[in-house]
Amino acid sequence: MSTYQWRKSSFSANSSNCINVAVEWRKSSYSADAGNCVNVAASDRAVLLRESDDPDVILSTTPTALRAFIRGAKAGDFDRVQEG
């Protein structure tokens, strides 16, 4: 199920003449039917991620950086991070 949310553009500073952007949040296909889901909103320039239990905390990254992170995670590059 998709939901739209209006967000102020990060380029709009703190002035009253802001640009608002509609973000379409989608539940990740890897999230089961449980309440703790990952929500994703994407454009060609940014990928936004949030956890359904705390939707006000939003991570922002680029598609290229997220792709590199996922490749590294799949390759096991982060498996020993906590041991370090």
PDB file of N, CA and C in Angstrom:
ATOM      1  N   MET A   1       0.837  -1.175   0.000  1.00  0.00           N
ATOM      2  CA  MET A   1       0.000   0.000   0.000  1.00  0.00           C
ATOM      3  C   MET A   1       0.882   1.238   0.000  1.00  0.00           C
ATOM      4  N   SER A   2       0.632   2.161  -0.866  1.00  0.00           N
ATOM      5  CA  SER A   2       1.417   3.385  -0.971  1.00  0.00           C
ATOM      6  C   SER A   2       0.725   4.519  -0.239  1.00  0.00           C
ATOM      7  N   THR A   3       1.518   5.343   0.420  1.00  0.00           N
ATOM      8  CA  THR A   3       0.981   6.537   1.058  1.00  0.00           C
ATOM      9  C   THR A   3       1.848   7.719   0.671  1.00  0.00           C
ATOM     10  N   TYR A   4       1.192   8.846   0.405  1.00  0.00           N
ATOM     11  CA  TYR A   4       1.929  10.051   0.056  1.00  0.00           C
ATOM     12  C   TYR A   4       2.092  10.923   1.288  1.00  0.00           C
ATOM     13  N   GLN A   5       3.221  11.581   1.377  1.00  0.00           N
ATOM     14  CA  GLN A   5       3.498  12.489   2.476  1.00  0.00           C
ATOM     15  C   GLN A   5       4.217  13.701   1.890  1.00  0.00           C
ATOM     16  N   TRP A   6       3.794  14.893   2.275  1.00  0.00           N
ATOM     17  CA  TRP A   6       4.463  16.099   1.801  1.00  0.00           C
ATOM     18  C   TRP A   6       5.620  16.423   2.728  1.00  0.00           C
ATOM     19  N   ARG A   7       6.777  16.730   2.130  1.00  0.00           N
ATOM     20  CA  ARG A   7       7.981  17.073   2.894  1.00  0.00           C
ATOM     21  C   ARG A   7       8.579  18.342   2.327  1.00  0.00           C
ATOM     22  N   LYS A   8       9.127  19.154   3.206  1.00  0.00           N
ATOM     23  CA  LYS A   8       9.811  20.364   2.764  1.00  0.00           C
ATOM     24  C   LYS A   8      11.152  19.984   2.160  1.00  0.00           C
ATOM     25  N   SER A   9      11.480  20.541   1.025  1.00  0.00           N
ATOM     26  CA  SER A   9      12.759  20.265   0.369  1.00  0.00           C
ATOM     27  C   SER A   9      13.911  20.706   1.251  1.00  0.00           C
ATOM     28  N   SER A  10      14.980  19.933   1.282  1.00  0.00           N
ATOM     29  CA  SER A  10      16.161  20.289   2.078  1.00  0.00           C
ATOM     30  C   SER A  10      16.856  21.519   1.518  1.00  0.00           C
ATOM     31  N   PHE A  11      16.519  21.929   0.307  1.00  0.00           N
ATOM     32  CA  PHE A  11      17.105  23.119  -0.301  1.00  0.00           C
ATOM     33  C   PHE A  11      16.337  24.382   0.074  1.00  0.00           C
ATOM     34  N   SER A  12      15.272  24.270   0.877  1.00  0.00           N
ATOM     35  CA  SER A  12      14.422  25.415   1.186  1.00  0.00           C
ATOM     36  C   SER A  12      14.792  26.154   2.461  1.00  0.00           C
ATOM     37  N   ALA A  13      15.846  25.813   3.125  1.00  0.00           N
ATOM     38  CA  ALA A  13      16.311  26.501   4.348  1.00  0.00           C
ATOM     39  C   ALA A  13      15.145  26.705   5.316  1.00  0.00           C
ATOM     40  N   ASN A  14      15.170  27.801   6.055  1.00  0.00           N
ATOM     41  CA  ASN A  14      14.124  28.064   7.052  1.00  0.00           C
ATOM     42  C   ASN A  14      13.213  29.218   6.663  1.00  0.00           C
ATOM     43  N   SER A  15      13.153  29.551   5.399  1.00  0.00           N
ATOM     44  CA  SER A  15      12.293  30.650   4.964  1.00  0.00           C
ATOM     45  C   SER A  15      10.865  30.152   4.756  1.00  0.00           C
ATOM     46  N   SER A  16       9.956  31.111   4.599  1.00  0.00           N
ATOM     47  CA  SER A  16       8.551  30.738   4.400  1.00  0.00           C
ATOM     48  C   SER A  16       8.247  30.350   2.959  1.00  0.00           C
ATOM     49  N   ASN A  17       9.120  30.729   2.027  1.00  0.00           N
ATOM     50  CA  ASN A  17       8.893  30.364   0.621  1.00  0.00           C
ATOM     51  C   ASN A  17       9.623  29.063   0.320  1.00  0.00           C
ATOM     52  N   CYS A  18       8.987  27.969   0.729  1.00  0.00           N
ATOM     53  CA  CYS A  18       9.601  26.641   0.649  1.00  0.00           C
ATOM     54  C   CYS A  18       9.080  25.869  -0.557  1.00  0.00           C
ATOM     55  N   ILE A  19       9.864  24.897  -0.940  1.00  0.00           N
ATOM     56  CA  ILE A  19       9.426  23.927  -1.941  1.00  0.00           C
ATOM     57  C   ILE A  19       9.028  22.669  -1.188  1.00  0.00           C
ATOM     58  N   ASN A  20       7.804  22.200  -1.434  1.00  0.00           N
ATOM     59  CA  ASN A  20       7.340  20.961  -0.830  1.00  0.00           C
ATOM     60  C   ASN A  20       7.323  19.868  -1.885  1.00  0.00           C
ATOM     61  N   VAL A  21       7.696  18.687  -1.475  1.00  0.00           N
ATOM     62  CA  VAL A  21       7.815  17.554  -2.384  1.00  0.00           C
ATOM     63  C   VAL A  21       6.940  16.421  -1.864  1.00  0.00           C
ATOM     64  N   ALA A  22       6.174  15.811  -2.761  1.00  0.00           N
ATOM     65  CA  ALA A  22       5.364  14.661  -2.373  1.00  0.00           C
ATOM     66  C   ALA A  22       6.230  13.413  -2.440  1.00  0.00           C
ATOM     67  N   VAL A  23       6.241  12.687  -1.363  1.00  0.00           N
ATOM     68  CA  VAL A  23       7.026  11.453  -1.269  1.00  0.00           C
ATOM     69  C   VAL A  23       6.058  10.285  -1.191  1.00  0.00           C
ATOM     70  N   GLU A  24       6.254   9.301  -2.047  1.00  0.00           N
ATOM     71  CA  GLU A  24       5.415   8.102  -2.017  1.00  0.00           C
ATOM     72  C   GLU A  24       6.175   7.009  -1.277  1.00  0.00           C
ATOM     73  N   TRP A  25       5.702   6.679  -0.078  1.00  0.00           N
ATOM     74  CA  TRP A  25       6.338   5.623   0.711  1.00  0.00           C
ATOM     75  C   TRP A  25       5.773   4.284   0.295  1.00  0.00           C
ATOM     76  N   ARG A  26       6.664   3.309   0.122  1.00  0.00           N
ATOM     77  CA  ARG A  26       6.262   1.936  -0.193  1.00  0.00           C
ATOM     78  C   ARG A  26       6.892   1.004   0.833  1.00  0.00           C
ATOM     79  N   LYS A  27       6.160  -0.024   1.185  1.00  0.00           N
ATOM     80  CA  LYS A  27       6.686  -1.040   2.094  1.00  0.00           C
ATOM     81  C   LYS A  27       7.622  -1.944   1.310  1.00  0.00           C
ATOM     82  N   SER A  28       8.786  -2.201   1.854  1.00  0.00           N
ATOM     83  CA  SER A  28       9.743  -3.079   1.194  1.00  0.00           C
ATOM     84  C   SER A  28       9.144  -4.457   0.985  1.00  0.00           C
ATOM     85  N   SER A  29       9.438  -5.050  -0.162  1.00  0.00           N
ATOM     86  CA  SER A  29       8.933  -6.399  -0.446  1.00  0.00           C
ATOM     87  C   SER A  29       9.608  -7.441   0.452  1.00  0.00           C
ATOM     88  N   TYR A  30      10.700  -7.074   1.121  1.00  0.00           N
ATOM     89  CA  TYR A  30      11.382  -7.994   2.029  1.00  0.00           C
ATOM     90  C   TYR A  30      10.802  -7.940   3.439  1.00  0.00           C
ATOM     91  N   SER A  31       9.904  -6.987   3.724  1.00  0.00           N
ATOM     92  CA  SER A  31       9.259  -6.902   5.031  1.00  0.00           C
ATOM     93  C   SER A  31       8.070  -7.848   5.040  1.00  0.00           C
ATOM     94  N   ALA A  32       7.992  -8.656   6.070  1.00  0.00           N
ATOM     95  CA  ALA A  32       6.866  -9.593   6.194  1.00  0.00           C
ATOM     96  C   ALA A  32       5.614  -8.811   6.575  1.00  0.00           C
ATOM     97  N   ASP A  33       4.583  -9.490   7.024  1.00  0.00           N
ATOM     98  CA  ASP A  33       3.344  -8.830   7.409  1.00  0.00           C
ATOM     99  C   ASP A  33       3.395  -8.274   8.827  1.00  0.00           C
ATOM    100  N   ALA A  34       4.540  -8.320   9.465  1.00  0.00           N
ATOM    101  CA  ALA A  34       4.686  -7.795  10.824  1.00  0.00           C
ATOM    102  C   ALA A  34       4.647  -6.271  10.806  1.00  0.00           C
ATOM    103  N   GLY A  35       4.565  -5.668  11.980  1.00  0.00           N
ATOM    104  CA  GLY A  35       4.488  -4.220  12.083  1.00  0.00           C
ATOM    105  C   GLY A  35       5.808  -3.505  11.886  1.00  0.00           C
ATOM    106  N   ASN A  36       6.922  -4.203  12.041  1.00  0.00           N
ATOM    107  CA  ASN A  36       8.229  -3.558  11.911  1.00  0.00           C
ATOM    108  C   ASN A  36       8.724  -3.693  10.474  1.00  0.00           C
ATOM    109  N   CYS A  37       8.299  -2.752   9.641  1.00  0.00           N
ATOM    110  CA  CYS A  37       8.595  -2.804   8.211  1.00  0.00           C
ATOM    111  C   CYS A  37       9.557  -1.699   7.805  1.00  0.00           C
ATOM    112  N   VAL A  38      10.262  -1.928   6.739  1.00  0.00           N
ATOM    113  CA  VAL A  38      11.095  -0.900   6.127  1.00  0.00           C
ATOM    114  C   VAL A  38      10.275  -0.249   5.026  1.00  0.00           C
ATOM    115  N   ASN A  39      10.197   1.089   5.058  1.00  0.00           N
ATOM    116  CA  ASN A  39       9.513   1.848   4.019  1.00  0.00           C
ATOM    117  C   ASN A  39      10.559   2.549   3.165  1.00  0.00           C
ATOM    118  N   VAL A  40      10.289   2.612   1.855  1.00  0.00           N
ATOM    119  CA  VAL A  40      11.232   3.184   0.894  1.00  0.00           C
ATOM    120  C   VAL A  40      10.500   4.203   0.027  1.00  0.00           C
ATOM    121  N   ALA A  41      11.155   5.330  -0.218  1.00  0.00           N
ATOM    122  CA  ALA A  41      10.677   6.310  -1.194  1.00  0.00           C
ATOM    123  C   ALA A  41      11.881   6.655  -2.058  1.00  0.00           C
ATOM    124  N   ALA A  42      11.709   6.672  -3.367  1.00  0.00           N
ATOM    125  CA  ALA A  42      12.868   6.861  -4.239  1.00  0.00           C
ATOM    126  C   ALA A  42      12.557   7.782  -5.403  1.00  0.00           C
ATOM    127  N   SER A  43      13.604   8.467  -5.839  1.00  0.00           N
ATOM    128  CA  SER A  43      13.574   9.240  -7.075  1.00  0.00           C
ATOM    129  C   SER A  43      14.896   8.957  -7.785  1.00  0.00           C
ATOM    130  N   ASP A  44      15.157   9.660  -8.867  1.00  0.00           N
ATOM    131  CA  ASP A  44      16.421   9.423  -9.558  1.00  0.00           C
ATOM    132  C   ASP A  44      17.608   9.993  -8.787  1.00  0.00           C
ATOM    133  N   ARG A  45      17.382  10.880  -7.830  1.00  0.00           N
ATOM    134  CA  ARG A  45      18.474  11.519  -7.086  1.00  0.00           C
ATOM    135  C   ARG A  45      18.619  11.062  -5.648  1.00  0.00           C
ATOM    136  N   ALA A  46      17.561  10.530  -5.047  1.00  0.00           N
ATOM    137  CA  ALA A  46      17.627  10.191  -3.628  1.00  0.00           C
ATOM    138  C   ALA A  46      16.792   8.957  -3.326  1.00  0.00           C
ATOM    139  N   VAL A  47      17.227   8.252  -2.294  1.00  0.00           N
ATOM    140  CA  VAL A  47      16.473   7.135  -1.745  1.00  0.00           C
ATOM    141  C   VAL A  47      16.261   7.457  -0.274  1.00  0.00           C
ATOM    142  N   LEU A  48      15.007   7.436   0.164  1.00  0.00           N
ATOM    143  CA  LEU A  48      14.673   7.679   1.561  1.00  0.00           C
ATOM    144  C   LEU A  48      14.263   6.359   2.180  1.00  0.00           C
ATOM    145  N   LEU A  49      14.730   6.112   3.391  1.00  0.00           N
ATOM    146  CA  LEU A  49      14.413   4.881   4.113  1.00  0.00           C
ATOM    147  C   LEU A  49      13.912   5.247   5.500  1.00  0.00           C
ATOM    148  N   ARG A  50      12.897   4.535   5.960  1.00  0.00           N
ATOM    149  CA  ARG A  50      12.425   4.726   7.331  1.00  0.00           C
ATOM    150  C   ARG A  50      11.915   3.400   7.856  1.00  0.00           C
ATOM    151  N   GLU A  51      11.839   3.290   9.153  1.00  0.00           N
ATOM    152  CA  GLU A  51      11.336   2.090   9.805  1.00  0.00           C
ATOM    153  C   GLU A  51       9.929   2.404  10.281  1.00  0.00           C
ATOM    154  N   SER A  52       8.984   1.539  10.045  1.00  0.00           N
ATOM    155  CA  SER A  52       7.576   1.849  10.310  1.00  0.00           C
ATOM    156  C   SER A  52       7.282   2.152  11.776  1.00  0.00           C
ATOM    157  N   ASP A  53       8.074   1.624  12.704  1.00  0.00           N
ATOM    158  CA  ASP A  53       7.844   1.894  14.118  1.00  0.00           C
ATOM    159  C   ASP A  53       8.264   3.311  14.519  1.00  0.00           C
ATOM    160  N   ASP A  54       9.116   3.965  13.723  1.00  0.00           N
ATOM    161  CA  ASP A  54       9.576   5.323  14.014  1.00  0.00           C
ATOM    162  C   ASP A  54       9.654   6.109  12.703  1.00  0.00           C
ATOM    163  N   PRO A  55       8.500   6.436  12.090  1.00  0.00           N
ATOM    164  CA  PRO A  55       8.484   7.013  10.748  1.00  0.00           C
ATOM    165  C   PRO A  55       9.051   8.429  10.640  1.00  0.00           C
ATOM    166  N   ASP A  56       9.270   9.113  11.771  1.00  0.00           N
ATOM    167  CA  ASP A  56       9.836  10.465  11.709  1.00  0.00           C
ATOM    168  C   ASP A  56      11.345  10.459  11.519  1.00  0.00           C
ATOM    169  N   VAL A  57      11.990   9.325  11.734  1.00  0.00           N
ATOM    170  CA  VAL A  57      13.433   9.203  11.514  1.00  0.00           C
ATOM    171  C   VAL A  57      13.636   8.675  10.099  1.00  0.00           C
ATOM    172  N   ILE A  58      14.229   9.505   9.246  1.00  0.00           N
ATOM    173  CA  ILE A  58      14.367   9.162   7.834  1.00  0.00           C
ATOM    174  C   ILE A  58      15.828   9.239   7.429  1.00  0.00           C
ATOM    175  N   LEU A  59      16.322   8.178   6.827  1.00  0.00           N
ATOM    176  CA  LEU A  59      17.671   8.160   6.267  1.00  0.00           C
ATOM    177  C   LEU A  59      17.588   8.510   4.797  1.00  0.00           C
ATOM    178  N   SER A  60      18.523   9.316   4.327  1.00  0.00           N
ATOM    179  CA  SER A  60      18.554   9.714   2.928  1.00  0.00           C
ATOM    180  C   SER A  60      19.914   9.359   2.351  1.00  0.00           C
ATOM    181  N   THR A  61      19.899   8.801   1.156  1.00  0.00           N
ATOM    182  CA  THR A  61      21.135   8.443   0.479  1.00  0.00           C
ATOM    183  C   THR A  61      20.906   8.541  -1.028  1.00  0.00           C
ATOM    184  N   THR A  62      21.935   8.312  -1.778  1.00  0.00           N
ATOM    185  CA  THR A  62      21.794   8.296  -3.233  1.00  0.00           C
ATOM    186  C   THR A  62      21.596   6.855  -3.697  1.00  0.00           C
ATOM    187  N   PRO A  63      20.996   6.653  -4.860  1.00  0.00           N
ATOM    188  CA  PRO A  63      20.861   5.289  -5.373  1.00  0.00           C
ATOM    189  C   PRO A  63      22.216   4.594  -5.517  1.00  0.00           C
ATOM    190  N   THR A  64      23.239   5.319  -5.942  1.00  0.00           N
ATOM    191  CA  THR A  64      24.573   4.729  -6.121  1.00  0.00           C
ATOM    192  C   THR A  64      25.155   4.258  -4.792  1.00  0.00           C
ATOM    193  N   ALA A  65      25.051   5.090  -3.758  1.00  0.00           N
ATOM    194  CA  ALA A  65      25.590   4.722  -2.448  1.00  0.00           C
ATOM    195  C   ALA A  65      24.826   3.543  -1.846  1.00  0.00           C
ATOM    196  N   LEU A  66      23.502   3.532  -1.992  1.00  0.00           N
ATOM    197  CA  LEU A  66      22.712   2.418  -1.464  1.00  0.00           C
ATOM    198  C   LEU A  66      23.047   1.127  -2.197  1.00  0.00           C
ATOM    199  N   ARG A  67      23.216   1.213  -3.499  1.00  0.00           N
ATOM    200  CA  ARG A  67      23.594   0.039  -4.296  1.00  0.00           C
ATOM    201  C   ARG A  67      24.934  -0.522  -3.816  1.00  0.00           C
ATOM    202  N   ALA A  68      25.913   0.362  -3.569  1.00  0.00           N
ATOM    203  CA  ALA A  68      27.227  -0.077  -3.092  1.00  0.00           C
ATOM    204  C   ALA A  68      27.115  -0.710  -1.705  1.00  0.00           C
ATOM    205  N   PHE A  69      26.304  -0.138  -0.830  1.00  0.00           N
ATOM    206  CA  PHE A  69      26.112  -0.698   0.505  1.00  0.00           C
ATOM    207  C   PHE A  69      25.492  -2.089   0.429  1.00  0.00           C
ATOM    208  N   ILE A  70      24.458  -2.250  -0.402  1.00  0.00           N
ATOM    209  CA  ILE A  70      23.805  -3.555  -0.525  1.00  0.00           C
ATOM    210  C   ILE A  70      24.773  -4.588  -1.089  1.00  0.00           C
ATOM    211  N   ARG A  71      25.547  -4.199  -2.098  1.00  0.00           N
ATOM    212  CA  ARG A  71      26.554  -5.132  -2.638  1.00  0.00           C
ATOM    213  C   ARG A  71      27.553  -5.548  -1.558  1.00  0.00           C
ATOM    214  N   GLY A  72      28.020  -4.583  -0.775  1.00  0.00           N
ATOM    215  CA  GLY A  72      28.970  -4.891   0.296  1.00  0.00           C
ATOM    216  C   GLY A  72      28.368  -5.798   1.351  1.00  0.00           C
ATOM    217  N   ALA A  73      27.102  -5.549   1.709  1.00  0.00           N
ATOM    218  CA  ALA A  73      26.435  -6.394   2.700  1.00  0.00           C
ATOM    219  C   ALA A  73      26.279  -7.824   2.186  1.00  0.00           C
ATOM    220  N   LYS A  74      25.898  -7.954   0.920  1.00  0.00           N
ATOM    221  CA  LYS A  74      25.762  -9.288   0.328  1.00  0.00           C
ATOM    222  C   LYS A  74      27.101 -10.014   0.251  1.00  0.00           C
ATOM    223  N   ALA A  75      28.172  -9.264   0.042  1.00  0.00           N
ATOM    224  CA  ALA A  75      29.505  -9.861  -0.075  1.00  0.00           C
ATOM    225  C   ALA A  75      30.123 -10.155   1.291  1.00  0.00           C
ATOM    226  N   GLY A  76      29.476  -9.732   2.378  1.00  0.00           N
ATOM    227  CA  GLY A  76      30.006  -9.991   3.712  1.00  0.00           C
ATOM    228  C   GLY A  76      31.013  -8.961   4.185  1.00  0.00           C
ATOM    229  N   ASP A  77      31.096  -7.818   3.513  1.00  0.00           N
ATOM    230  CA  ASP A  77      32.066  -6.793   3.887  1.00  0.00           C
ATOM    231  C   ASP A  77      31.863  -6.242   5.294  1.00  0.00           C
ATOM    232  N   PHE A  78      30.667  -6.355   5.849  1.00  0.00           N
ATOM    233  CA  PHE A  78      30.371  -5.787   7.154  1.00  0.00           C
ATOM    234  C   PHE A  78      30.188  -6.852   8.232  1.00  0.00           C
ATOM    235  N   ASP A  79      30.462  -8.104   7.919  1.00  0.00           N
ATOM    236  CA  ASP A  79      30.209  -9.183   8.870  1.00  0.00           C
ATOM    237  C   ASP A  79      31.056  -9.082  10.131  1.00  0.00           C
ATOM    238  N   ARG A  80      32.222  -8.502  10.042  1.00  0.00           N
ATOM    239  CA  ARG A  80      33.121  -8.437  11.205  1.00  0.00           C
ATOM    240  C   ARG A  80      33.220  -7.035  11.798  1.00  0.00           C
ATOM    241  N   VAL A  81      32.300  -6.166  11.480  1.00  0.00           N
ATOM    242  CA  VAL A  81      32.346  -4.781  11.978  1.00  0.00           C
ATOM    243  C   VAL A  81      32.309  -4.752  13.496  1.00  0.00           C
ATOM    244  N   GLN A  82      31.456  -5.533  14.143  1.00  0.00           N
ATOM    245  CA  GLN A  82      31.328  -5.518  15.592  1.00  0.00           C
ATOM    246  C   GLN A  82      32.502  -6.166  16.299  1.00  0.00           C
ATOM    247  N   GLU A  83      33.259  -7.007  15.624  1.00  0.00           N
ATOM    248  CA  GLU A  83      34.401  -7.668  16.243  1.00  0.00           C
ATOM    249  C   GLU A  83      35.603  -6.745  16.355  1.00  0.00           C
ATOM    250  N   GLY A  84      35.677  -5.717  15.469  1.00  0.00           N
ATOM    251  CA  GLY A  84      36.820  -4.842  15.339  1.00  0.00           C
ATOM    252  C   GLY A  84      37.227  -4.157  16.573  1.00  0.00           C
TER     253      GLY A  84
END
